[in-house]
Amino acid sequence: KLQNISVRPELNGQFGQAVSFSADRYVVALLDATTAAAAAGVDSGNNNNAQQPTFLKLKPENLTEAGTIDQLKFGVGMIFESA
């Protein structure tokens, strides 16, 4: 979960998946319902434009592990957005 990003505060509270670590930064793929559904192999009805995640380089202090409640909220949101 992204936090304390002052340059792009609209990213705070969003979810991402760290995919690598280099030069004191994590490379993070931002997750939303469309990209998560595509990664899970779920057909969201938009076959002609496969959504690719946005990647960011973030300092470790800009990330926190999403808790169980956050993960459940994201999952429920994904269900409603992809329905």
N, C-alpha and C. Protein backbone atom coordinates (compact mmCIF):
# COMPACT_ATOMS: atom_id res chain seq x y z
N LYS A 1 0.86 -1.17 0.00
CA LYS A 1 0.00 0.00 0.00
C LYS A 1 0.91 1.23 0.00
N LEU A 2 0.57 2.19 -0.84
CA LEU A 2 1.38 3.39 -0.98
C LEU A 2 1.01 4.42 0.08
N GLN A 3 2.03 5.12 0.60
CA GLN A 3 1.79 6.10 1.67
C GLN A 3 2.83 7.21 1.62
N ASN A 4 2.47 8.35 2.17
CA ASN A 4 3.38 9.49 2.36
C ASN A 4 4.09 9.94 1.09
N ILE A 5 3.40 9.90 -0.03
CA ILE A 5 3.98 10.37 -1.29
C ILE A 5 3.54 11.82 -1.47
N SER A 6 4.49 12.74 -1.31
CA SER A 6 4.15 14.16 -1.35
C SER A 6 4.09 14.71 -2.77
N VAL A 7 4.87 14.16 -3.69
CA VAL A 7 4.90 14.66 -5.06
C VAL A 7 3.61 14.30 -5.81
N ARG A 8 3.07 13.11 -5.54
CA ARG A 8 1.82 12.66 -6.17
C ARG A 8 0.88 12.13 -5.09
N PRO A 9 0.29 13.02 -4.29
CA PRO A 9 -0.53 12.59 -3.17
C PRO A 9 -1.75 11.76 -3.57
N GLU A 10 -2.17 11.85 -4.81
CA GLU A 10 -3.32 11.05 -5.26
C GLU A 10 -3.01 9.55 -5.24
N LEU A 11 -1.73 9.20 -5.15
CA LEU A 11 -1.34 7.79 -5.09
C LEU A 11 -1.44 7.20 -3.69
N ASN A 12 -1.45 8.06 -2.68
CA ASN A 12 -1.51 7.58 -1.30
C ASN A 12 -2.78 6.76 -1.10
N GLY A 13 -2.63 5.60 -0.48
CA GLY A 13 -3.75 4.71 -0.22
C GLY A 13 -4.00 3.70 -1.32
N GLN A 14 -3.35 3.86 -2.47
CA GLN A 14 -3.52 2.88 -3.54
C GLN A 14 -2.68 1.65 -3.24
N PHE A 15 -2.97 0.59 -3.96
CA PHE A 15 -2.28 -0.67 -3.76
C PHE A 15 -1.31 -0.95 -4.89
N GLY A 16 -0.23 -1.63 -4.55
CA GLY A 16 0.75 -2.01 -5.54
C GLY A 16 1.45 -3.29 -5.13
N GLN A 17 2.18 -3.84 -6.07
CA GLN A 17 2.97 -5.04 -5.84
C GLN A 17 4.42 -4.73 -6.15
N ALA A 18 5.28 -4.88 -5.14
CA ALA A 18 6.72 -4.67 -5.36
C ALA A 18 7.23 -5.80 -6.25
N VAL A 19 7.90 -5.44 -7.34
CA VAL A 19 8.39 -6.45 -8.27
C VAL A 19 9.92 -6.56 -8.28
N SER A 20 10.59 -5.51 -7.79
CA SER A 20 12.05 -5.59 -7.68
C SER A 20 12.55 -4.47 -6.76
N PHE A 21 13.83 -4.55 -6.44
CA PHE A 21 14.46 -3.54 -5.58
C PHE A 21 15.82 -3.23 -6.17
N SER A 22 16.08 -1.94 -6.41
CA SER A 22 17.35 -1.53 -7.00
C SER A 22 17.62 -0.08 -6.64
N ALA A 23 18.88 0.23 -6.34
CA ALA A 23 19.30 1.60 -6.03
C ALA A 23 18.43 2.23 -4.94
N ASP A 24 18.21 1.47 -3.87
CA ASP A 24 17.44 1.92 -2.71
C ASP A 24 15.99 2.27 -3.03
N ARG A 25 15.45 1.71 -4.09
CA ARG A 25 14.06 1.95 -4.48
C ARG A 25 13.39 0.63 -4.85
N TYR A 26 12.10 0.54 -4.51
CA TYR A 26 11.29 -0.58 -4.98
C TYR A 26 10.65 -0.19 -6.30
N VAL A 27 10.63 -1.12 -7.24
CA VAL A 27 9.82 -0.94 -8.44
C VAL A 27 8.47 -1.58 -8.11
N VAL A 28 7.42 -0.76 -8.19
CA VAL A 28 6.09 -1.18 -7.75
C VAL A 28 5.12 -1.08 -8.92
N ALA A 29 4.36 -2.15 -9.14
CA ALA A 29 3.29 -2.14 -10.13
C ALA A 29 2.01 -1.71 -9.42
N LEU A 30 1.42 -0.60 -9.86
CA LEU A 30 0.17 -0.15 -9.27
C LEU A 30 -0.94 -1.12 -9.64
N LEU A 31 -1.80 -1.42 -8.68
CA LEU A 31 -2.90 -2.35 -8.91
C LEU A 31 -4.23 -1.62 -8.81
N ASP A 32 -5.09 -1.91 -9.76
CA ASP A 32 -6.49 -1.48 -9.68
C ASP A 32 -7.31 -2.67 -10.14
N ALA A 33 -8.62 -2.53 -10.18
CA ALA A 33 -9.47 -3.66 -10.52
C ALA A 33 -9.16 -4.22 -11.90
N THR A 34 -8.91 -3.36 -12.87
CA THR A 34 -8.68 -3.82 -14.24
C THR A 34 -7.38 -4.59 -14.36
N THR A 35 -6.29 -4.04 -13.82
CA THR A 35 -5.01 -4.73 -13.93
C THR A 35 -4.98 -5.99 -13.07
N ALA A 36 -5.64 -5.97 -11.91
CA ALA A 36 -5.68 -7.15 -11.06
C ALA A 36 -6.48 -8.26 -11.72
N ALA A 37 -7.60 -7.91 -12.35
CA ALA A 37 -8.41 -8.91 -13.05
C ALA A 37 -7.63 -9.51 -14.22
N ALA A 38 -6.92 -8.66 -14.96
CA ALA A 38 -6.12 -9.15 -16.09
C ALA A 38 -5.02 -10.09 -15.59
N ALA A 39 -4.38 -9.74 -14.48
CA ALA A 39 -3.32 -10.58 -13.93
C ALA A 39 -3.86 -11.92 -13.45
N ALA A 40 -5.12 -11.91 -12.99
CA ALA A 40 -5.74 -13.14 -12.50
C ALA A 40 -6.35 -13.96 -13.63
N GLY A 41 -6.33 -13.40 -14.86
CA GLY A 41 -6.89 -14.13 -15.99
C GLY A 41 -8.40 -14.03 -16.09
N VAL A 42 -8.98 -13.02 -15.43
CA VAL A 42 -10.43 -12.83 -15.45
C VAL A 42 -10.79 -11.95 -16.63
N ASP A 43 -11.79 -12.35 -17.39
CA ASP A 43 -12.24 -11.56 -18.53
C ASP A 43 -13.12 -10.42 -18.03
N SER A 44 -12.64 -9.19 -18.19
CA SER A 44 -13.41 -8.03 -17.75
C SER A 44 -14.27 -7.46 -18.86
N GLY A 45 -14.36 -8.18 -19.99
CA GLY A 45 -15.19 -7.72 -21.09
C GLY A 45 -14.49 -6.75 -22.01
N ASN A 46 -13.21 -6.46 -21.77
CA ASN A 46 -12.46 -5.52 -22.60
C ASN A 46 -11.25 -6.23 -23.16
N ASN A 47 -11.50 -7.21 -24.04
CA ASN A 47 -10.44 -8.07 -24.55
C ASN A 47 -9.47 -7.36 -25.48
N ASN A 48 -9.92 -6.31 -26.15
CA ASN A 48 -9.08 -5.71 -27.17
C ASN A 48 -8.01 -4.79 -26.60
N ASN A 49 -8.11 -4.38 -25.36
CA ASN A 49 -7.09 -3.52 -24.76
C ASN A 49 -6.67 -4.10 -23.41
N ALA A 50 -5.68 -4.99 -23.43
CA ALA A 50 -5.20 -5.56 -22.17
C ALA A 50 -4.53 -4.46 -21.35
N GLN A 51 -5.01 -4.27 -20.15
CA GLN A 51 -4.50 -3.21 -19.28
C GLN A 51 -3.16 -3.61 -18.70
N GLN A 52 -2.16 -2.79 -18.89
CA GLN A 52 -0.84 -3.02 -18.33
C GLN A 52 -0.69 -2.16 -17.08
N PRO A 53 -0.03 -2.68 -16.05
CA PRO A 53 0.13 -1.88 -14.84
C PRO A 53 1.07 -0.70 -15.06
N THR A 54 0.90 0.31 -14.24
CA THR A 54 1.82 1.44 -14.19
C THR A 54 2.90 1.09 -13.18
N PHE A 55 4.16 1.33 -13.53
CA PHE A 55 5.27 1.02 -12.64
C PHE A 55 5.86 2.31 -12.09
N LEU A 56 6.18 2.29 -10.80
CA LEU A 56 6.79 3.43 -10.12
C LEU A 56 8.02 2.97 -9.36
N LYS A 57 8.98 3.86 -9.17
CA LYS A 57 10.11 3.60 -8.28
C LYS A 57 9.87 4.37 -7.00
N LEU A 58 9.79 3.64 -5.87
CA LEU A 58 9.44 4.26 -4.60
C LEU A 58 10.44 3.91 -3.51
N LYS A 59 10.63 4.86 -2.60
CA LYS A 59 11.46 4.62 -1.42
C LYS A 59 10.73 3.64 -0.49
N PRO A 60 11.49 2.86 0.28
CA PRO A 60 10.86 1.92 1.20
C PRO A 60 9.86 2.58 2.16
N GLU A 61 10.14 3.82 2.58
CA GLU A 61 9.22 4.48 3.53
C GLU A 61 7.90 4.89 2.89
N ASN A 62 7.79 4.77 1.55
CA ASN A 62 6.55 5.09 0.87
C ASN A 62 5.67 3.86 0.66
N LEU A 63 6.07 2.75 1.27
CA LEU A 63 5.30 1.52 1.16
C LEU A 63 5.05 0.93 2.53
N THR A 64 3.90 0.33 2.67
CA THR A 64 3.59 -0.43 3.88
C THR A 64 2.82 -1.67 3.45
N GLU A 65 2.99 -2.75 4.19
CA GLU A 65 2.27 -3.97 3.85
C GLU A 65 0.78 -3.76 4.11
N ALA A 66 -0.03 -4.10 3.13
CA ALA A 66 -1.49 -3.98 3.29
C ALA A 66 -1.96 -5.04 4.27
N GLY A 67 -2.74 -4.61 5.23
CA GLY A 67 -3.30 -5.54 6.21
C GLY A 67 -4.44 -6.35 5.63
N THR A 68 -4.94 -7.29 6.40
CA THR A 68 -6.01 -8.17 5.95
C THR A 68 -7.26 -7.39 5.56
N ILE A 69 -7.64 -6.40 6.37
CA ILE A 69 -8.83 -5.60 6.07
C ILE A 69 -8.65 -4.84 4.76
N ASP A 70 -7.47 -4.24 4.56
CA ASP A 70 -7.20 -3.53 3.30
C ASP A 70 -7.28 -4.48 2.11
N GLN A 71 -6.75 -5.68 2.26
CA GLN A 71 -6.78 -6.65 1.17
C GLN A 71 -8.21 -7.06 0.85
N LEU A 72 -9.03 -7.25 1.89
CA LEU A 72 -10.43 -7.61 1.67
C LEU A 72 -11.18 -6.48 0.98
N LYS A 73 -10.94 -5.24 1.41
CA LYS A 73 -11.60 -4.09 0.77
C LYS A 73 -11.22 -4.02 -0.70
N PHE A 74 -9.94 -4.22 -1.00
CA PHE A 74 -9.49 -4.18 -2.39
C PHE A 74 -10.17 -5.29 -3.20
N GLY A 75 -10.23 -6.49 -2.63
CA GLY A 75 -10.85 -7.62 -3.33
C GLY A 75 -12.32 -7.38 -3.62
N VAL A 76 -13.04 -6.87 -2.65
CA VAL A 76 -14.46 -6.56 -2.84
C VAL A 76 -14.62 -5.47 -3.88
N GLY A 77 -13.78 -4.44 -3.82
CA GLY A 77 -13.82 -3.38 -4.82
C GLY A 77 -13.55 -3.91 -6.21
N MET A 78 -12.62 -4.85 -6.31
CA MET A 78 -12.29 -5.44 -7.60
C MET A 78 -13.49 -6.20 -8.16
N ILE A 79 -14.20 -6.91 -7.31
CA ILE A 79 -15.38 -7.66 -7.75
C ILE A 79 -16.42 -6.72 -8.34
N PHE A 80 -16.70 -5.63 -7.62
CA PHE A 80 -17.74 -4.71 -8.08
C PHE A 80 -17.32 -3.94 -9.34
N GLU A 81 -16.05 -3.56 -9.44
CA GLU A 81 -15.59 -2.81 -10.60
C GLU A 81 -15.51 -3.67 -11.85
N SER A 82 -15.20 -4.95 -11.70
CA SER A 82 -15.05 -5.80 -12.88
C SER A 82 -16.35 -6.49 -13.27
N ALA A 83 -17.38 -6.31 -12.48
CA ALA A 83 -18.68 -6.95 -12.78
C ALA A 83 -19.43 -6.22 -13.86
